[in-house]
Amino acid sequence: MIEKYIKFDNVLQVQRAFRMKYRNEKAPSHSTIMNMYSVFKKTGSVKPMPPKPKQPSQKRLEAQIQLKTMIADPTSFSTRKAACTLGMSHTTILSILHDDFHFKAYKYHFWHKLEEHDYEKRVIFARWFLSLAPGVKFFFYFSDEAYFYLTLPLNKQNNRIWSGENPFQGIELPLYDKKLLVWCAISAEGIIGPYYFEQTVTKEEYLKMLETYFWRKHIQNPNFKKYYFQQDGATPHTADATQTWLKSKFSKKFVDKKMWPPRSPDLNPCDFYLWGHLKSVVYNPLPKTLDDLKANIRREIKKIPKDVLNSVFLNLEKRCKSILEKNGGHIEA
């Protein structure tokens, strides 16, 4: 279009030439051609000129200074409170945070409170795990229990009803929801479980499960003698009878209560992967009974591919390295 306008110096001639070349396209308007030619004369390019940045008002500059002071304490900062304090609209406050500061809103991470000696124990475990031969890390069982409720869990912060009008729709929740206590042991080779505890776990029930369920399945693996076994510091796990039995079966390959760092779900694949994954998929289709929920859990565990389990344990290795970098402190989940 620029070439034709320079040649003819006539907008109608440019439009006519455009229609001859592009017969199925609508010719550009008079203003489009002239605007493009004006930009070309100024910049030597047909690309639109970028908009001139607007200088912020004095009030906005003052608000920026005050906002920087206010967000220094994120625990007490609220955009709506800031809007009231500064006498500005909530939209303007968000605009300053997004457009001027290029900030994004991030949620808090909730971690187990670490006690004074936990940091050292986490470092010791991470060093020990990383010191193992590369292949050994894939012969490791991490175990844990978790509750699964019959009713689909809803997040008040994320679940919304999109509608033209407020439907005033609610969800009835049982006062005491039915639930399952599920135990699993996860490794890079596969998962033993689920095992369902029908009642609260006692040290007798837990030891019985290890003897009659876990061990019978474990020894079916031709490489069962190569495996390590981990459990956390729950009371049934740390009972003397439980610790003695596991040491008799795994010897030095048992991660006992002295070796496993307490309050460390970020180091247990059951916590940082398995339970979250299962709870996101077992409610499709929605279970009507606990037996339905059990079937869904079994189905979804079988569907987890081996390459995903390998990735989980490679991720565990990265987490141990992060623990060392943080001197035993919290790591990003």
Protein backbone atom coordinates (compact mmCIF):
# COMPACT_ATOMS: atom_id res chain seq x y z
CA MET A 1 0.00 0.00 0.00
CA ILE A 2 2.87 2.38 0.79
CA GLU A 3 4.52 1.66 -2.55
CA LYS A 4 1.27 2.29 -4.44
CA TYR A 5 0.55 5.51 -2.56
CA ILE A 6 4.04 6.86 -3.26
CA LYS A 7 3.57 5.94 -6.95
CA PHE A 8 0.05 7.32 -7.46
CA ASP A 9 -0.31 9.84 -4.60
CA ASN A 10 -4.00 8.94 -4.67
CA VAL A 11 -5.96 6.87 -2.18
CA LEU A 12 -8.55 5.70 -4.75
CA GLN A 13 -5.76 4.32 -6.96
CA VAL A 14 -4.32 2.44 -3.98
CA GLN A 15 -7.71 0.92 -3.17
CA ARG A 16 -8.22 -0.08 -6.80
CA ALA A 17 -4.79 -1.76 -6.93
CA PHE A 18 -5.58 -3.58 -3.68
CA ARG A 19 -8.86 -4.98 -5.08
CA MET A 20 -7.12 -6.20 -8.23
CA LYS A 21 -4.49 -8.08 -6.20
CA TYR A 22 -6.79 -9.35 -3.43
CA ARG A 23 -10.14 -9.91 -5.11
CA ASN A 24 -11.84 -11.50 -2.14
CA GLU A 25 -10.65 -8.96 0.42
CA LYS A 26 -12.19 -5.65 1.39
CA ALA A 27 -9.99 -2.69 0.46
CA PRO A 28 -8.57 -0.64 3.35
CA SER A 29 -10.31 2.63 4.20
CA HIS A 30 -9.01 6.11 3.40
CA SER A 31 -8.02 6.73 7.03
CA THR A 32 -6.18 3.38 7.30
CA ILE A 33 -4.03 4.14 4.25
CA MET A 34 -3.26 7.71 5.35
CA ASN A 35 -2.46 6.71 8.93
CA MET A 36 -0.10 4.01 7.73
CA TYR A 37 1.60 6.43 5.34
CA SER A 38 1.94 9.01 8.12
CA VAL A 39 3.61 6.47 10.41
CA PHE A 40 5.92 5.39 7.57
CA LYS A 41 7.04 8.97 6.95
CA LYS A 42 7.88 9.47 10.64
CA THR A 43 9.49 6.12 11.48
CA GLY A 44 10.39 4.45 8.17
CA SER A 45 8.26 1.48 9.22
CA VAL A 46 4.64 0.42 8.80
CA LYS A 47 4.47 -0.88 12.37
CA PRO A 48 2.10 1.15 14.58
CA MET A 49 3.85 3.64 16.81
CA PRO A 50 3.87 2.55 20.45
CA PRO A 51 1.66 4.66 22.70
CA LYS A 52 3.45 7.38 24.62
CA PRO A 53 3.79 6.43 28.27
CA LYS A 54 1.60 8.52 30.50
CA GLN A 55 3.22 10.31 33.37
CA PRO A 56 1.60 9.23 36.64
CA SER A 57 -0.18 11.92 38.58
CA GLN A 58 1.27 13.31 41.79
CA LYS A 59 -1.44 11.50 43.76
CA ARG A 60 -0.51 8.19 42.15
CA LEU A 61 3.20 8.75 42.88
CA GLU A 62 2.40 9.43 46.53
CA ALA A 63 0.22 6.31 46.64
CA GLN A 64 3.09 4.24 45.25
CA ILE A 65 5.38 5.38 48.08
CA GLN A 66 2.76 4.61 50.72
CA LEU A 67 1.91 1.22 49.20
CA LYS A 68 5.56 0.15 49.27
CA THR A 69 5.58 0.86 53.00
CA MET A 70 2.29 -0.97 53.56
CA ILE A 71 3.24 -4.16 51.66
CA ALA A 72 6.45 -4.44 53.69
CA ASP A 73 4.28 -6.29 56.22
CA PRO A 74 2.32 -8.76 54.03
CA THR A 75 0.57 -10.38 56.99
CA SER A 76 -1.47 -7.21 57.65
CA PHE A 77 -1.70 -5.89 54.09
CA SER A 78 -5.07 -5.82 52.32
CA THR A 79 -5.81 -4.11 49.01
CA ARG A 80 -9.24 -3.02 50.22
CA LYS A 81 -7.83 -1.59 53.46
CA ALA A 82 -5.17 0.19 51.41
CA ALA A 83 -7.86 1.69 49.19
CA CYS A 84 -9.70 3.06 52.24
CA THR A 85 -6.50 4.35 53.87
CA LEU A 86 -5.29 6.12 50.72
CA GLY A 87 -8.72 7.37 49.67
CA MET A 88 -8.47 5.66 46.28
CA SER A 89 -10.60 3.09 44.50
CA HIS A 90 -9.82 -0.59 44.87
CA THR A 91 -9.31 -0.78 41.09
CA THR A 92 -6.64 1.93 41.22
CA ILE A 93 -4.77 0.11 43.99
CA LEU A 94 -4.78 -3.11 41.94
CA SER A 95 -3.62 -1.13 38.90
CA ILE A 96 -0.63 0.27 40.82
CA LEU A 97 0.33 -3.19 42.09
CA HIS A 98 -0.04 -4.87 38.68
CA ASP A 99 0.95 -2.17 36.19
CA ASP A 100 3.38 0.02 38.13
CA PHE A 101 5.07 -2.50 40.42
CA HIS A 102 4.52 -5.55 38.15
CA PHE A 103 3.52 -7.54 41.24
CA LYS A 104 1.46 -10.72 41.32
CA ALA A 105 -0.64 -12.04 44.20
CA TYR A 106 0.75 -15.24 45.71
CA LYS A 107 -0.85 -17.47 48.34
CA TYR A 108 0.84 -18.35 51.62
CA HIS A 109 2.38 -21.79 52.02
CA PHE A 110 1.38 -23.60 55.20
CA TRP A 111 4.14 -25.74 56.67
CA HIS A 112 4.53 -27.87 59.75
CA LYS A 113 6.24 -25.91 62.47
CA LEU A 114 9.81 -27.16 62.77
CA GLU A 115 11.28 -27.58 66.22
CA GLU A 116 14.84 -26.58 67.09
CA HIS A 117 16.41 -29.99 66.43
CA ASP A 118 14.35 -30.74 63.29
CA TYR A 119 16.63 -28.70 61.06
CA GLU A 120 19.67 -30.82 61.85
CA LYS A 121 17.74 -34.07 61.43
CA ARG A 122 16.43 -32.98 58.03
CA VAL A 123 19.96 -32.17 56.89
CA ILE A 124 21.28 -35.53 58.16
CA PHE A 125 18.54 -37.45 56.33
CA ALA A 126 19.02 -35.49 53.09
CA ARG A 127 22.78 -36.11 53.13
CA TRP A 128 22.25 -39.80 53.83
CA PHE A 129 19.66 -40.22 51.06
CA LEU A 130 21.81 -38.40 48.52
CA SER A 131 24.83 -40.50 49.50
CA LEU A 132 23.09 -43.71 48.42
CA ALA A 133 24.08 -45.24 45.10
CA PRO A 134 21.92 -43.91 42.22
CA GLY A 135 20.09 -47.20 41.68
CA VAL A 136 19.34 -47.70 45.37
CA LYS A 137 16.96 -44.73 45.46
CA PHE A 138 14.52 -46.66 43.27
CA PHE A 139 14.30 -49.47 45.87
CA PHE A 140 12.68 -47.39 48.56
CA TYR A 141 9.22 -47.66 50.10
CA PHE A 142 7.75 -44.54 51.68
CA SER A 143 4.53 -45.20 53.59
CA ASP A 144 1.75 -43.18 55.17
CA GLU A 145 -1.97 -43.01 55.97
CA ALA A 146 -4.55 -40.43 54.89
CA TYR A 147 -8.28 -39.88 55.33
CA PHE A 148 -10.59 -39.83 52.30
CA TYR A 149 -14.10 -38.45 52.85
CA LEU A 150 -17.17 -39.68 51.01
CA THR A 151 -18.37 -36.16 50.21
CA LEU A 152 -16.53 -34.29 47.47
CA PRO A 153 -14.32 -31.68 49.17
CA LEU A 154 -14.96 -28.09 48.05
CA ASN A 155 -12.64 -25.12 48.24
CA LYS A 156 -14.52 -21.95 49.19
CA GLN A 157 -11.77 -19.82 47.68
CA ASN A 158 -11.74 -21.51 44.26
CA ASN A 159 -15.14 -23.13 43.67
CA ARG A 160 -17.58 -20.65 42.15
CA ILE A 161 -21.00 -20.70 40.44
CA TRP A 162 -20.94 -18.75 37.18
CA SER A 163 -24.38 -17.36 36.48
CA GLY A 164 -26.16 -14.23 35.27
CA GLU A 165 -27.93 -13.98 38.61
CA ASN A 166 -27.15 -15.17 42.10
CA PRO A 167 -28.77 -18.64 42.28
CA PHE A 168 -28.44 -18.73 46.10
CA GLN A 169 -27.46 -22.35 45.68
CA GLY A 170 -26.02 -24.22 48.63
CA ILE A 171 -24.56 -27.65 49.27
CA GLU A 172 -25.70 -29.83 52.13
CA LEU A 173 -22.81 -31.30 54.07
CA PRO A 174 -23.20 -34.07 56.64
CA LEU A 175 -22.29 -33.13 60.20
CA TYR A 176 -20.18 -36.28 60.48
CA ASP A 177 -19.06 -37.32 57.01
CA LYS A 178 -18.23 -40.95 56.31
CA LYS A 179 -14.52 -41.47 55.72
CA LEU A 180 -11.82 -44.02 54.99
CA LEU A 181 -8.36 -44.26 56.51
CA VAL A 182 -6.12 -45.41 53.67
CA TRP A 183 -2.56 -46.74 53.93
CA CYS A 184 -0.14 -47.04 51.01
CA ALA A 185 3.55 -47.66 50.45
CA ILE A 186 4.95 -45.98 47.34
CA SER A 187 8.13 -46.79 45.45
CA ALA A 188 9.57 -45.99 42.05
CA GLU A 189 8.59 -49.50 40.94
CA GLY A 190 4.99 -49.53 42.12
CA ILE A 191 2.55 -48.99 44.99
CA ILE A 192 1.51 -51.48 47.65
CA GLY A 193 -2.01 -50.59 48.68
CA PRO A 194 -4.53 -49.34 49.28
CA TYR A 195 -5.12 -50.91 52.66
CA TYR A 196 -8.20 -49.68 54.54
CA PHE A 197 -8.24 -49.36 58.31
CA GLU A 198 -11.81 -49.77 59.44
CA GLN A 199 -11.20 -48.09 62.78
CA THR A 200 -8.64 -45.80 64.40
CA VAL A 201 -5.16 -47.18 63.91
CA THR A 202 -3.68 -48.77 67.00
CA LYS A 203 -0.18 -50.20 67.28
CA GLU A 204 -1.70 -53.71 67.21
CA GLU A 205 -3.75 -53.00 64.06
CA TYR A 206 -0.81 -51.36 62.35
CA LEU A 207 1.57 -54.24 63.09
CA LYS A 208 -1.06 -56.73 61.97
CA MET A 209 -1.35 -54.88 58.64
CA LEU A 210 2.42 -54.99 58.15
CA GLU A 211 2.56 -58.71 58.88
CA THR A 212 -0.51 -59.96 57.02
CA TYR A 213 -0.80 -57.47 54.16
CA PHE A 214 2.32 -55.48 53.40
CA TRP A 215 4.94 -58.20 53.92
CA ARG A 216 3.02 -60.83 51.96
CA LYS A 217 2.83 -58.50 48.97
CA HIS A 218 6.37 -57.22 49.37
CA ILE A 219 8.06 -60.63 49.27
CA GLN A 220 6.34 -61.38 45.95
CA ASN A 221 8.78 -58.88 44.41
CA PRO A 222 11.92 -60.75 43.28
CA ASN A 223 14.04 -57.80 44.46
CA PHE A 224 12.37 -57.53 47.86
CA LYS A 225 15.69 -57.84 49.74
CA LYS A 226 16.99 -54.66 48.10
CA TYR A 227 14.27 -52.42 49.49
CA TYR A 228 14.40 -49.78 52.20
CA PHE A 229 11.29 -48.96 54.23
CA GLN A 230 10.24 -45.59 55.68
CA GLN A 231 7.40 -44.49 57.94
CA ASP A 232 6.76 -41.30 59.88
CA GLY A 233 6.60 -40.71 63.60
CA ALA A 234 2.93 -41.53 64.24
CA THR A 235 2.40 -43.32 67.56
CA PRO A 236 1.51 -46.75 66.09
CA HIS A 237 4.64 -46.52 63.91
CA THR A 238 7.04 -45.76 66.75
CA ALA A 239 5.76 -48.47 69.09
CA ASP A 240 8.56 -50.78 70.24
CA ALA A 241 6.87 -53.87 68.78
CA THR A 242 6.51 -52.19 65.37
CA GLN A 243 10.10 -50.90 65.33
CA THR A 244 11.47 -54.31 66.39
CA TRP A 245 9.50 -56.18 63.72
CA LEU A 246 10.56 -53.81 60.91
CA LYS A 247 14.21 -53.98 61.99
CA SER A 248 14.01 -57.79 61.91
CA LYS A 249 12.75 -57.64 58.32
CA PHE A 250 14.75 -54.75 56.85
CA SER A 251 17.75 -54.59 59.20
CA LYS A 252 19.82 -51.47 58.35
CA LYS A 253 17.47 -50.67 55.48
CA PHE A 254 14.72 -49.63 57.87
CA VAL A 255 14.44 -45.86 58.32
CA ASP A 256 13.57 -45.94 62.01
CA LYS A 257 12.23 -43.19 64.26
CA LYS A 258 15.76 -41.94 64.98
CA MET A 259 16.63 -41.54 61.31
CA TRP A 260 13.41 -40.06 59.90
CA PRO A 261 13.13 -36.30 60.55
CA PRO A 262 9.81 -35.39 62.21
CA ARG A 263 7.39 -32.87 60.68
CA SER A 264 8.72 -33.50 57.18
CA PRO A 265 5.83 -34.31 54.81
CA ASP A 266 7.78 -32.43 52.11
CA LEU A 267 10.16 -35.42 52.05
CA ASN A 268 7.52 -38.15 51.86
CA PRO A 269 6.20 -38.91 48.31
CA CYS A 270 2.89 -40.01 49.84
CA ASP A 271 2.39 -36.48 51.16
CA PHE A 272 3.84 -34.33 48.39
CA TYR A 273 2.42 -36.40 45.51
CA LEU A 274 0.23 -39.45 46.12
CA TRP A 275 -2.53 -38.16 48.42
CA GLY A 276 -3.00 -34.91 46.53
CA HIS A 277 -3.15 -36.71 43.19
CA LEU A 278 -5.65 -39.30 44.40
CA LYS A 279 -7.95 -36.75 46.05
CA SER A 280 -8.10 -34.83 42.76
CA VAL A 281 -9.28 -37.83 40.71
CA VAL A 282 -11.17 -40.31 42.92
CA TYR A 283 -14.40 -38.25 42.93
CA ASN A 284 -15.03 -38.87 39.23
CA PRO A 285 -17.50 -40.52 39.12
CA LEU A 286 -18.86 -39.32 42.46
CA PRO A 287 -18.96 -42.21 44.96
CA LYS A 288 -22.29 -42.87 46.65
CA THR A 289 -20.97 -45.33 49.22
CA LEU A 290 -17.67 -46.07 50.91
CA ASP A 291 -17.38 -49.16 48.73
CA ASP A 292 -17.61 -46.92 45.66
CA LEU A 293 -14.90 -44.69 47.09
CA LYS A 294 -12.68 -47.72 47.76
CA ALA A 295 -13.15 -48.90 44.18
CA ASN A 296 -12.27 -45.44 42.84
CA ILE A 297 -9.09 -45.32 44.93
CA ARG A 298 -8.00 -48.79 43.77
CA ARG A 299 -8.72 -47.86 40.14
CA GLU A 300 -6.74 -44.63 40.23
CA ILE A 301 -3.73 -46.19 41.97
CA LYS A 302 -3.53 -48.84 39.24
CA LYS A 303 -3.62 -46.09 36.59
CA ILE A 304 -0.46 -44.35 37.88
CA PRO A 305 2.26 -45.19 35.31
CA LYS A 306 5.75 -46.26 36.30
CA ASP A 307 7.40 -43.29 34.59
CA VAL A 308 5.41 -40.95 36.86
CA LEU A 309 6.63 -42.84 39.93
CA ASN A 310 10.21 -42.53 38.65
CA SER A 311 9.71 -38.78 38.28
CA VAL A 312 8.38 -38.56 41.84
CA PHE A 313 11.54 -40.13 43.22
CA LEU A 314 13.76 -37.94 41.06
CA ASN A 315 11.83 -35.03 42.54
CA LEU A 316 12.58 -36.38 46.01
CA GLU A 317 16.28 -36.20 45.16
CA LYS A 318 15.87 -32.52 44.19
CA ARG A 319 14.01 -31.88 47.45
CA CYS A 320 16.89 -33.33 49.47
CA LYS A 321 19.30 -31.02 47.67
CA SER A 322 17.00 -28.09 48.46
CA ILE A 323 16.97 -29.13 52.12
CA LEU A 324 20.76 -28.83 52.21
CA GLU A 325 20.62 -25.44 50.49
CA LYS A 326 18.10 -24.25 53.10
CA ASN A 327 20.13 -25.72 56.01
CA GLY A 328 17.21 -27.96 56.91
CA GLY A 329 14.55 -25.28 56.56
CA HIS A 330 11.29 -25.37 54.65
CA ILE A 331 11.42 -25.89 50.90
CA GLU A 332 8.91 -24.92 48.22
CA ALA A 333 6.28 -27.65 47.93
